[in-house]
Each structure stands twice: as structure tokens, then as C-alpha cells.
Amino acid sequence: MPIIVNLDVMMAKRKISLNELSEKVELTLSNLSILKTGKAKAIRFSTLEAICKALNCQPADILEYIDET
């Protein structure tokens, strides 16, 4: 998939664990883990907003498009 999720990179930069982020964005560990590992097929804007707020970043810091051609 040409959309890459860089949540793990941002979490490492902010030195925040999956458990901490899960509590801050009120998302289950399993759903956050699916997103972190790039296995998610979609993300709600409200979830992206909560993640960006918790990590003090922009959506582009989390999601990246890579042209596969």
C-alpha cells in the first residue's frame, strides 16, 4: 500500500509508549497497535486528530504517501 504509517517513528521521537498513547487518545491497545504496524485499512479523522494532539504533530508526520511506480 502506498500509504505508510509513521506512528512508531513519532512515538519514538516523543518517547511515549503504546500504553500511554492508548490512554491519551482513548483507543484500545489492539486498534492502536494495528495502526502502528501499518495493518490498518482506514483511520477516522477524529482518531488522527487525537493522535496529532497527543503527539503534538501534524497528520503528515503520521501518514506518508510513497509512489510505487
C-alpha atoms as a PDB file:
ATOM      1  CA  MET A   1       0.000   0.000   0.000  1.00  0.00           C
ATOM      2  CA  PRO A   2       1.469   3.380  -0.917  1.00  0.00           C
ATOM      3  CA  ILE A   3       0.305   4.973   2.369  1.00  0.00           C
ATOM      4  CA  ILE A   4       2.901   4.480   5.085  1.00  0.00           C
ATOM      5  CA  VAL A   5       2.052   4.952   8.767  1.00  0.00           C
ATOM      6  CA  ASN A   6       4.907   6.505  10.724  1.00  0.00           C
ATOM      7  CA  LEU A   7       3.229   6.344  14.110  1.00  0.00           C
ATOM      8  CA  ASP A   8       6.064   4.303  15.594  1.00  0.00           C
ATOM      9  CA  VAL A   9       8.587   6.933  14.465  1.00  0.00           C
ATOM     10  CA  MET A  10       6.606   9.773  16.056  1.00  0.00           C
ATOM     11  CA  MET A  11       6.111   7.750  19.240  1.00  0.00           C
ATOM     12  CA  ALA A  12       9.867   7.186  19.454  1.00  0.00           C
ATOM     13  CA  LYS A  13      10.569  10.891  18.866  1.00  0.00           C
ATOM     14  CA  ARG A  14       8.110  11.853  21.624  1.00  0.00           C
ATOM     15  CA  LYS A  15       9.295   8.991  23.852  1.00  0.00           C
ATOM     16  CA  ILE A  16       5.779   7.766  24.507  1.00  0.00           C
ATOM     17  CA  SER A  17       4.732   4.151  24.881  1.00  0.00           C
ATOM     18  CA  LEU A  18       1.824   2.452  23.181  1.00  0.00           C
ATOM     19  CA  ASN A  19       0.071   2.201  26.549  1.00  0.00           C
ATOM     20  CA  GLU A  20       0.480   5.929  27.259  1.00  0.00           C
ATOM     21  CA  LEU A  21      -0.743   6.924  23.810  1.00  0.00           C
ATOM     22  CA  SER A  22      -3.651   4.499  24.068  1.00  0.00           C
ATOM     23  CA  GLU A  23      -4.785   6.191  27.266  1.00  0.00           C
ATOM     24  CA  LYS A  24      -4.367   9.699  25.837  1.00  0.00           C
ATOM     25  CA  VAL A  25      -6.315   9.046  22.629  1.00  0.00           C
ATOM     26  CA  GLU A  26      -8.811   6.665  24.260  1.00  0.00           C
ATOM     27  CA  LEU A  27      -8.176   3.948  21.707  1.00  0.00           C
ATOM     28  CA  THR A  28      -7.699   0.280  22.545  1.00  0.00           C
ATOM     29  CA  LEU A  29      -4.186  -1.110  22.552  1.00  0.00           C
ATOM     30  CA  SER A  30      -5.080  -3.589  19.823  1.00  0.00           C
ATOM     31  CA  ASN A  31      -6.518  -0.936  17.490  1.00  0.00           C
ATOM     32  CA  LEU A  32      -3.575   1.380  18.117  1.00  0.00           C
ATOM     33  CA  SER A  33      -1.178  -1.498  17.506  1.00  0.00           C
ATOM     34  CA  ILE A  34      -2.895  -2.288  14.188  1.00  0.00           C
ATOM     35  CA  LEU A  35      -2.449   1.354  13.188  1.00  0.00           C
ATOM     36  CA  LYS A  36       1.158   1.453  14.412  1.00  0.00           C
ATOM     37  CA  THR A  37       2.151  -1.617  12.424  1.00  0.00           C
ATOM     38  CA  GLY A  38       0.584  -0.301   9.228  1.00  0.00           C
ATOM     39  CA  LYS A  39      -2.066  -3.015   9.083  1.00  0.00           C
ATOM     40  CA  ALA A  40      -4.996  -0.586   9.329  1.00  0.00           C
ATOM     41  CA  LYS A  41      -7.073  -0.043   6.197  1.00  0.00           C
ATOM     42  CA  ALA A  42      -8.552   3.277   7.358  1.00  0.00           C
ATOM     43  CA  ILE A  43      -8.337   5.895  10.092  1.00  0.00           C
ATOM     44  CA  ARG A  44     -11.008   8.279  11.322  1.00  0.00           C
ATOM     45  CA  PHE A  45     -10.168  11.958  11.241  1.00  0.00           C
ATOM     46  CA  SER A  46     -11.175  12.132  14.909  1.00  0.00           C
ATOM     47  CA  THR A  47      -8.580   9.448  15.736  1.00  0.00           C
ATOM     48  CA  LEU A  48      -5.923  11.175  13.658  1.00  0.00           C
ATOM     49  CA  GLU A  49      -6.759  14.456  15.375  1.00  0.00           C
ATOM     50  CA  ALA A  50      -6.446  12.865  18.821  1.00  0.00           C
ATOM     51  CA  ILE A  51      -3.101  11.271  17.907  1.00  0.00           C
ATOM     52  CA  CYS A  52      -1.756  14.539  16.497  1.00  0.00           C
ATOM     53  CA  LYS A  53      -2.877  16.387  19.622  1.00  0.00           C
ATOM     54  CA  ALA A  54      -1.274  13.806  21.929  1.00  0.00           C
ATOM     55  CA  LEU A  55       1.987  13.726  19.973  1.00  0.00           C
ATOM     56  CA  ASN A  56       1.998  17.453  19.142  1.00  0.00           C
ATOM     57  CA  CYS A  57       2.466  16.801  15.443  1.00  0.00           C
ATOM     58  CA  GLN A  58       0.797  17.170  12.051  1.00  0.00           C
ATOM     59  CA  PRO A  59      -1.090  14.458  10.112  1.00  0.00           C
ATOM     60  CA  ALA A  60       1.773  14.382   7.599  1.00  0.00           C
ATOM     61  CA  ASP A  61       4.086  13.338  10.426  1.00  0.00           C
ATOM     62  CA  ILE A  62       1.937  10.219  10.859  1.00  0.00           C
ATOM     63  CA  LEU A  63       0.895   9.404   7.283  1.00  0.00           C
ATOM     64  CA  GLU A  64       3.148   9.399   4.240  1.00  0.00           C
ATOM     65  CA  TYR A  65       2.390   8.670   0.586  1.00  0.00           C
ATOM     66  CA  ILE A  66       5.025   6.810  -1.407  1.00  0.00           C
ATOM     67  CA  ASP A  67       4.597   6.457  -5.160  1.00  0.00           C
ATOM     68  CA  GLU A  68       5.161   2.813  -6.077  1.00  0.00           C
ATOM     69  CA  THR A  69       5.642   3.399  -9.816  1.00  0.00           C
END
